[in-house]
C-alpha atoms as a PDB file:
ATOM      1  CA  MET A   1      94.791 112.484  81.218  1.00  0.00           C
ATOM      2  CA  LYS A   2      96.018 116.540  81.451  1.00  0.00           C
ATOM      3  CA  LYS A   3      98.333 118.322  79.363  1.00  0.00           C
ATOM      4  CA  ILE A   4      98.804 122.226  79.707  1.00  0.00           C
ATOM      5  CA  VAL A   5     100.684 123.847  76.277  1.00  0.00           C
ATOM      6  CA  PRO A   6     101.921 127.176  77.471  1.00  0.00           C
ATOM      7  CA  TYR A   7     102.224 129.813  74.167  1.00  0.00           C
ATOM      8  CA  LYS A   8     103.651 133.381  74.217  1.00  0.00           C
ATOM      9  CA  LYS A   9     103.559 135.690  71.984  1.00  0.00           C
ATOM     10  CA  GLU A  10     104.652 139.418  71.922  1.00  0.00           C
ATOM     11  CA  LEU A  11     102.291 141.758  69.859  1.00  0.00           C
ATOM     12  CA  GLU A  12     103.595 144.961  68.753  1.00  0.00           C
ATOM     13  CA  PHE A  13     101.154 148.325  68.048  1.00  0.00           C
ATOM     14  CA  ASN A  14     102.062 151.755  66.059  1.00  0.00           C
ATOM     15  CA  THR A  15     101.728 153.799  69.164  1.00  0.00           C
ATOM     16  CA  GLU A  16     102.707 153.378  72.817  1.00  0.00           C
ATOM     17  CA  VAL A  17      99.870 151.988  74.667  1.00  0.00           C
ATOM     18  CA  SER A  18      98.713 153.693  78.166  1.00  0.00           C
ATOM     19  CA  GLU A  19      96.214 151.384  79.277  1.00  0.00           C
ATOM     20  CA  ILE A  20      94.106 148.095  77.212  1.00  0.00           C
ATOM     21  CA  THR A  21      90.388 148.921  78.277  1.00  0.00           C
ATOM     22  CA  SER A  22      88.949 145.950  77.088  1.00  0.00           C
ATOM     23  CA  ILE A  23      90.292 142.836  75.630  1.00  0.00           C
ATOM     24  CA  SER A  24      88.890 139.050  74.516  1.00  0.00           C
ATOM     25  CA  LEU A  25      90.110 136.012  73.331  1.00  0.00           C
ATOM     26  CA  GLU A  26      88.828 133.406  71.052  1.00  0.00           C
ATOM     27  CA  ASN A  27      90.317 130.542  69.368  1.00  0.00           C
ATOM     28  CA  THR A  28      89.835 128.533  66.085  1.00  0.00           C
ATOM     29  CA  LEU A  29      91.509 125.408  67.517  1.00  0.00           C
ATOM     30  CA  LYS A  30      90.735 122.141  66.753  1.00  0.00           C
ATOM     31  CA  LYS A  31      92.383 118.537  65.966  1.00  0.00           C
ATOM     32  CA  ALA A  32      93.526 118.198  62.065  1.00  0.00           C
ATOM     33  CA  SER A  33      94.453 114.642  62.905  1.00  0.00           C
ATOM     34  CA  ASP A  34      94.865 112.372  65.210  1.00  0.00           C
ATOM     35  CA  ASN A  35      98.124 113.978  66.410  1.00  0.00           C
ATOM     36  CA  TYR A  36      98.103 117.033  64.940  1.00  0.00           C
ATOM     37  CA  ILE A  37      96.434 120.246  66.611  1.00  0.00           C
ATOM     38  CA  THR A  38      95.660 123.513  64.671  1.00  0.00           C
ATOM     39  CA  GLY A  39      93.974 126.985  64.905  1.00  0.00           C
ATOM     40  CA  ASP A  40      94.614 130.646  65.275  1.00  0.00           C
ATOM     41  CA  PHE A  41      94.131 132.463  68.659  1.00  0.00           C
ATOM     42  CA  ILE A  42      92.302 135.796  67.486  1.00  0.00           C
ATOM     43  CA  ILE A  43      92.751 138.618  70.340  1.00  0.00           C
ATOM     44  CA  SER A  44      90.873 141.805  69.797  1.00  0.00           C
ATOM     45  CA  GLY A  45      89.599 144.882  72.021  1.00  0.00           C
ATOM     46  CA  GLU A  46      90.800 148.298  72.630  1.00  0.00           C
ATOM     47  CA  TYR A  47      93.199 150.373  73.938  1.00  0.00           C
ATOM     48  CA  LYS A  48      94.086 154.325  74.817  1.00  0.00           C
ATOM     49  CA  ILE A  49      96.885 155.822  73.615  1.00  0.00           C
ATOM     50  CA  VAL A  50      97.385 158.462  76.820  1.00  0.00           C
ATOM     51  CA  ASP A  51      95.898 158.423  80.458  1.00  0.00           C
ATOM     52  CA  VAL A  52      93.757 161.780  79.793  1.00  0.00           C
ATOM     53  CA  SER A  53      92.555 160.356  76.667  1.00  0.00           C
ATOM     54  CA  LEU A  54      88.808 159.859  76.263  1.00  0.00           C
ATOM     55  CA  ASN A  55      88.967 157.860  72.798  1.00  0.00           C
ATOM     56  CA  THR A  56      90.026 154.359  72.128  1.00  0.00           C
ATOM     57  CA  GLU A  57      91.476 152.691  69.248  1.00  0.00           C
ATOM     58  CA  LYS A  58      90.656 148.971  68.656  1.00  0.00           C
ATOM     59  CA  PHE A  59      92.904 146.423  67.794  1.00  0.00           C
ATOM     60  CA  SER A  60      92.802 143.121  66.462  1.00  0.00           C
ATOM     61  CA  PHE A  61      95.871 139.960  66.106  1.00  0.00           C
ATOM     62  CA  GLU A  62      95.444 136.416  64.791  1.00  0.00           C
ATOM     63  CA  LEU A  63      97.877 134.350  65.909  1.00  0.00           C
ATOM     64  CA  PRO A  64      98.635 130.828  63.811  1.00  0.00           C
ATOM     65  CA  PHE A  65      98.774 128.134  66.523  1.00  0.00           C
ATOM     66  CA  ASP A  66     100.033 124.198  65.430  1.00  0.00           C
ATOM     67  CA  ILE A  67     101.286 121.527  67.796  1.00  0.00           C
ATOM     68  CA  ASP A  68     102.057 117.999  67.138  1.00  0.00           C
ATOM     69  CA  ILE A  69     101.272 115.516  69.983  1.00  0.00           C
ATOM     70  CA  ASP A  70     103.368 112.765  70.948  1.00  0.00           C
ATOM     71  CA  LYS A  71     102.206 109.504  69.391  1.00  0.00           C
ATOM     72  CA  LYS A  72     102.270 107.514  72.522  1.00  0.00           C
ATOM     73  CA  TYR A  73      99.395 109.318  73.169  1.00  0.00           C
ATOM     74  CA  LYS A  74      95.741 108.399  71.731  1.00  0.00           C
ATOM     75  CA  THR A  75      93.186 111.475  71.046  1.00  0.00           C
ATOM     76  CA  ASP A  76      89.940 109.860  70.270  1.00  0.00           C
ATOM     77  CA  ASN A  77      87.995 111.695  73.402  1.00  0.00           C
ATOM     78  CA  LEU A  78      90.501 114.842  73.303  1.00  0.00           C
ATOM     79  CA  VAL A  79      89.114 118.181  74.634  1.00  0.00           C
ATOM     80  CA  ILE A  80      90.882 121.474  73.895  1.00  0.00           C
ATOM     81  CA  ASP A  81      90.240 124.543  75.811  1.00  0.00           C
ATOM     82  CA  ILE A  82      92.314 127.486  76.920  1.00  0.00           C
ATOM     83  CA  ASP A  83      93.423 126.956  80.397  1.00  0.00           C
ATOM     84  CA  ASP A  84      94.651 130.598  81.434  1.00  0.00           C
ATOM     85  CA  PHE A  85      95.714 134.045  79.797  1.00  0.00           C
ATOM     86  CA  TYR A  86      96.833 136.830  80.514  1.00  0.00           C
ATOM     87  CA  TYR A  87      99.002 139.776  79.504  1.00  0.00           C
ATOM     88  CA  GLU A  88     101.732 142.757  80.035  1.00  0.00           C
ATOM     89  CA  LEU A  89     102.288 145.799  78.432  1.00  0.00           C
ATOM     90  CA  ASP A  90     105.538 147.297  77.794  1.00  0.00           C
ATOM     91  CA  LYS A  91     105.473 151.116  75.870  1.00  0.00           C
ATOM     92  CA  ASN A  92     103.874 149.828  72.646  1.00  0.00           C
ATOM     93  CA  LYS A  93     104.016 146.071  73.087  1.00  0.00           C
ATOM     94  CA  MET A  94     101.878 143.728  74.953  1.00  0.00           C
ATOM     95  CA  ILE A  95     103.241 140.148  75.530  1.00  0.00           C
ATOM     96  CA  VAL A  96     100.242 137.631  75.615  1.00  0.00           C
ATOM     97  CA  ASN A  97     100.520 134.593  77.811  1.00  0.00           C
ATOM     98  CA  ILE A  98      98.529 131.895  76.606  1.00  0.00           C
ATOM     99  CA  SER A  99      98.117 128.131  78.409  1.00  0.00           C
ATOM    100  CA  VAL A 100      96.148 125.611  76.210  1.00  0.00           C
ATOM    101  CA  LEU A 101      94.121 122.630  78.166  1.00  0.00           C
ATOM    102  CA  LEU A 102      94.636 119.190  76.114  1.00  0.00           C
ATOM    103  CA  ASP A 103      92.139 116.917  78.303  1.00  0.00           C
ATOM    104  CA  ASN A 104      91.197 113.518  78.108  1.00  0.00           C
ATOM    105  CA  LEU A 105      94.593 112.465  76.580  1.00  0.00           C
ATOM    106  CA  GLU A 106      95.210 108.599  76.998  1.00  0.00           C
ATOM    107  CA  GLU A 107      98.456 106.978  76.860  1.00  0.00           C
ATOM    108  CA  ILE A 108      98.866 103.857  74.849  1.00  0.00           C
ATOM    109  CA  GLU A 109     101.414 102.500  76.611  1.00  0.00           C
ATOM    110  CA  ILE A 110      99.262 102.457  79.792  1.00  0.00           C
ATOM    111  CA  ILE A 111      96.607 101.019  77.921  1.00  0.00           C
ATOM    112  CA  GLU A 112      98.766  98.212  76.236  1.00  0.00           C
ATOM    113  CA  SER A 113     100.122  97.381  79.665  1.00  0.00           C
ATOM    114  CA  LYS A 114      96.713  96.803  81.226  1.00  0.00           C
ATOM    115  CA  GLN A 115      95.948  94.985  77.967  1.00  0.00           C
ATOM    116  CA  GLU A 116      99.083  92.851  79.258  1.00  0.00           C
ATOM    117  CA  ASP A 117      97.941  92.486  82.524  1.00  0.00           C
ATOM    118  CA  VAL A 118      94.833  91.047  81.203  1.00  0.00           C
ATOM    119  CA  ARG A 119      96.640  88.612  78.997  1.00  0.00           C
ATOM    120  CA  GLU A 120      98.902  87.627  81.940  1.00  0.00           C
ATOM    121  CA  GLU A 121      96.005  87.188  84.165  1.00  0.00           C
ATOM    122  CA  VAL A 122      94.390  84.833  81.803  1.00  0.00           C
ATOM    123  CA  GLU A 123      97.629  83.319  81.101  1.00  0.00           C
ATOM    124  CA  GLU A 124      98.318  82.739  84.615  1.00  0.00           C
ATOM    125  CA  LYS A 125      94.671  81.116  84.955  1.00  0.00           C
ATOM    126  CA  SER A 126      94.914  79.039  82.272  1.00  0.00           C
ATOM    127  CA  LYS A 127      98.328  77.644  83.871  1.00  0.00           C
ATOM    128  CA  ASP A 128      96.038  76.844  87.375  1.00  0.00           C
ATOM    129  CA  GLU A 129      93.929  74.793  85.280  1.00  0.00           C
ATOM    130  CA  VAL A 130      96.743  72.796  83.271  1.00  0.00           C
ATOM    131  CA  ASN A 131      98.211  73.178  87.394  1.00  0.00           C
ATOM    132  CA  ILE A 132      95.212  71.722  88.646  1.00  0.00           C
ATOM    133  CA  LYS A 133      94.940  69.116  85.351  1.00  0.00           C
ATOM    134  CA  GLU A 134      98.156  67.692  85.912  1.00  0.00           C
ATOM    135  CA  GLU A 135      97.541  67.058  89.987  1.00  0.00           C
ATOM    136  CA  ARG A 136      94.425  65.084  89.113  1.00  0.00           C
ATOM    137  CA  ASP A 137      96.626  62.775  86.377  1.00  0.00           C
ATOM    138  CA  ASN A 138      99.063  62.566  88.682  1.00  0.00           C
ATOM    139  CA  SER A 139      96.894  61.746  91.534  1.00  0.00           C
ATOM    140  CA  MET A 140      95.533  59.305  89.316  1.00  0.00           C
ATOM    141  CA  LYS A 141      98.912  57.862  88.646  1.00  0.00           C
ATOM    142  CA  ASP A 142      99.555  57.624  92.105  1.00  0.00           C
ATOM    143  CA  VAL A 143      97.125  55.288  92.500  1.00  0.00           C
ATOM    144  CA  PHE A 144      98.885  52.774  90.114  1.00  0.00           C
ATOM    145  CA  ASP A 145     102.567  53.259  91.460  1.00  0.00           C
ATOM    146  CA  SER A 146     102.671  49.743  93.177  1.00  0.00           C
ATOM    147  CA  PHE A 147     102.045  47.932  90.143  1.00  0.00           C
ATOM    148  CA  ASP A 148     103.740  45.615  88.942  1.00  0.00           C
ATOM    149  CA  VAL A 149     104.302  45.350  85.642  1.00  0.00           C
ATOM    150  CA  GLU A 150     104.611  41.559  85.482  1.00  0.00           C
ATOM    151  CA  GLU A 151     100.835  40.899  86.655  1.00  0.00           C
ATOM    152  CA  SER A 152      98.666  38.704  84.664  1.00  0.00           C
ATOM    153  CA  TYR A 153      96.128  41.211  84.343  1.00  0.00           C
ATOM    154  CA  ARG A 154      95.890  43.375  81.578  1.00  0.00           C
ATOM    155  CA  THR A 155      93.652  45.845  82.676  1.00  0.00           C
ATOM    156  CA  TYR A 156      92.560  48.102  85.697  1.00  0.00           C
ATOM    157  CA  LYS A 157      89.736  50.165  86.869  1.00  0.00           C
ATOM    158  CA  VAL A 158      89.351  53.288  89.613  1.00  0.00           C
ATOM    159  CA  TYR A 159      86.258  52.136  91.075  1.00  0.00           C
ATOM    160  CA  ILE A 160      85.368  55.092  93.924  1.00  0.00           C
ATOM    161  CA  VAL A 161      83.420  53.878  96.689  1.00  0.00           C
ATOM    162  CA  ARG A 162      79.587  54.778  96.979  1.00  0.00           C
ATOM    163  CA  GLU A 163      77.131  54.658  99.939  1.00  0.00           C
ATOM    164  CA  ASN A 164      75.806  51.481 100.542  1.00  0.00           C
ATOM    165  CA  ASP A 165      78.973  49.706  99.049  1.00  0.00           C
ATOM    166  CA  ASN A 166      80.659  46.927 101.498  1.00  0.00           C
ATOM    167  CA  LEU A 167      83.739  44.564 100.549  1.00  0.00           C
ATOM    168  CA  GLU A 168      81.238  41.636  99.338  1.00  0.00           C
ATOM    169  CA  SER A 169      79.163  43.975  97.110  1.00  0.00           C
ATOM    170  CA  ILE A 170      82.309  45.382  95.264  1.00  0.00           C
ATOM    171  CA  LEU A 171      83.851  41.519  95.242  1.00  0.00           C
ATOM    172  CA  GLU A 172      80.907  40.456  93.733  1.00  0.00           C
ATOM    173  CA  ARG A 173      80.265  43.472  91.405  1.00  0.00           C
ATOM    174  CA  PHE A 174      83.530  43.060  89.612  1.00  0.00           C
ATOM    175  CA  ASP A 175      84.253  39.482  89.867  1.00  0.00           C
ATOM    176  CA  VAL A 176      87.538  39.707  91.882  1.00  0.00           C
ATOM    177  CA  THR A 177      88.503  37.621  94.730  1.00  0.00           C
ATOM    178  CA  LYS A 178      89.359  39.540  98.191  1.00  0.00           C
ATOM    179  CA  GLU A 179      93.103  38.262  97.643  1.00  0.00           C
ATOM    180  CA  ASP A 180      93.205  39.869  94.464  1.00  0.00           C
ATOM    181  CA  LEU A 181      92.028  42.654  95.383  1.00  0.00           C
ATOM    182  CA  GLU A 182      94.187  43.116  98.499  1.00  0.00           C
ATOM    183  CA  ASN A 183      97.263  42.834  96.049  1.00  0.00           C
ATOM    184  CA  TYR A 184      96.624  46.497  95.138  1.00  0.00           C
ATOM    185  CA  ASN A 185      94.619  48.262  97.930  1.00  0.00           C
ATOM    186  CA  ASP A 186      94.289  48.647 101.712  1.00  0.00           C
ATOM    187  CA  LEU A 187      91.247  46.913 102.354  1.00  0.00           C
ATOM    188  CA  ASN A 188      91.010  47.389 106.294  1.00  0.00           C
ATOM    189  CA  SER A 189      88.636  50.614 106.039  1.00  0.00           C
ATOM    190  CA  ILE A 190      86.268  50.845 102.551  1.00  0.00           C
ATOM    191  CA  THR A 191      84.968  53.713 103.304  1.00  0.00           C
ATOM    192  CA  VAL A 192      82.855  56.176 100.850  1.00  0.00           C
ATOM    193  CA  GLY A 193      85.149  58.460  98.332  1.00  0.00           C
ATOM    194  CA  LEU A 194      87.929  55.793  98.365  1.00  0.00           C
ATOM    195  CA  LYS A 195      89.660  54.781  95.265  1.00  0.00           C
ATOM    196  CA  LEU A 196      90.308  51.085  94.886  1.00  0.00           C
ATOM    197  CA  ILE A 197      92.014  49.587  92.149  1.00  0.00           C
ATOM    198  CA  ILE A 198      90.134  46.996  90.361  1.00  0.00           C
ATOM    199  CA  PRO A 199      92.311  44.049  87.996  1.00  0.00           C
ATOM    200  CA  THR A 200      89.522  43.036  85.805  1.00  0.00           C
ATOM    201  CA  ASN A 201      88.995  40.184  83.644  1.00  0.00           C
ATOM    202  CA  ASN A 202      86.443  41.775  81.590  1.00  0.00           C
ATOM    203  CA  ASN A 203      83.693  39.657  83.493  1.00  0.00           C
ATOM    204  CA  GLU A 204      82.279  42.469  85.858  1.00  0.00           C
ATOM    205  CA  LYS A 205      78.818  42.796  86.616  1.00  0.00           C
ATOM    206  CA  LEU A 206      77.794  46.112  84.643  1.00  0.00           C
END
């Protein structure tokens, strides 16, 4: 982010000035602390008192410059430069206009906003994971919805039908009768991936 800081100063000469024959601007601006810039503008050159004169006079002005940067900006990578410089003459006065460029400012609110977006995104993903887990848990609960609390069996298994399984092999594996299995499942179609509720009596084959 860039910011332009304008600076205007009226400089007074000891005599009238008819023409500025040369001029230069230097600066010693630097960041003294995280949000404080200080230094000087050094304006120097030569001028004529009257148009017809061949003689020139030298001049030099040292202008202090200090600025506090709002604390909402991060200045770790700050670059300080002169963006523009021009002057106007009025008899024995020179009015200088300097634009100071502050580059690579970072707005802390924006940085925090991005961090918050990342946090929210992580939280949303976490919520999605929780929702998925809840859906899975609910799907398992749904399998047991038809249970009668007064059943004589104390424990139950959920078995997912695999390839090469059939009704007879499942009955034999879990040592359960077809009638008992039908109390909890629709046995009209035994397909791979089907979840079967198996009432157990702890005698099933491993």
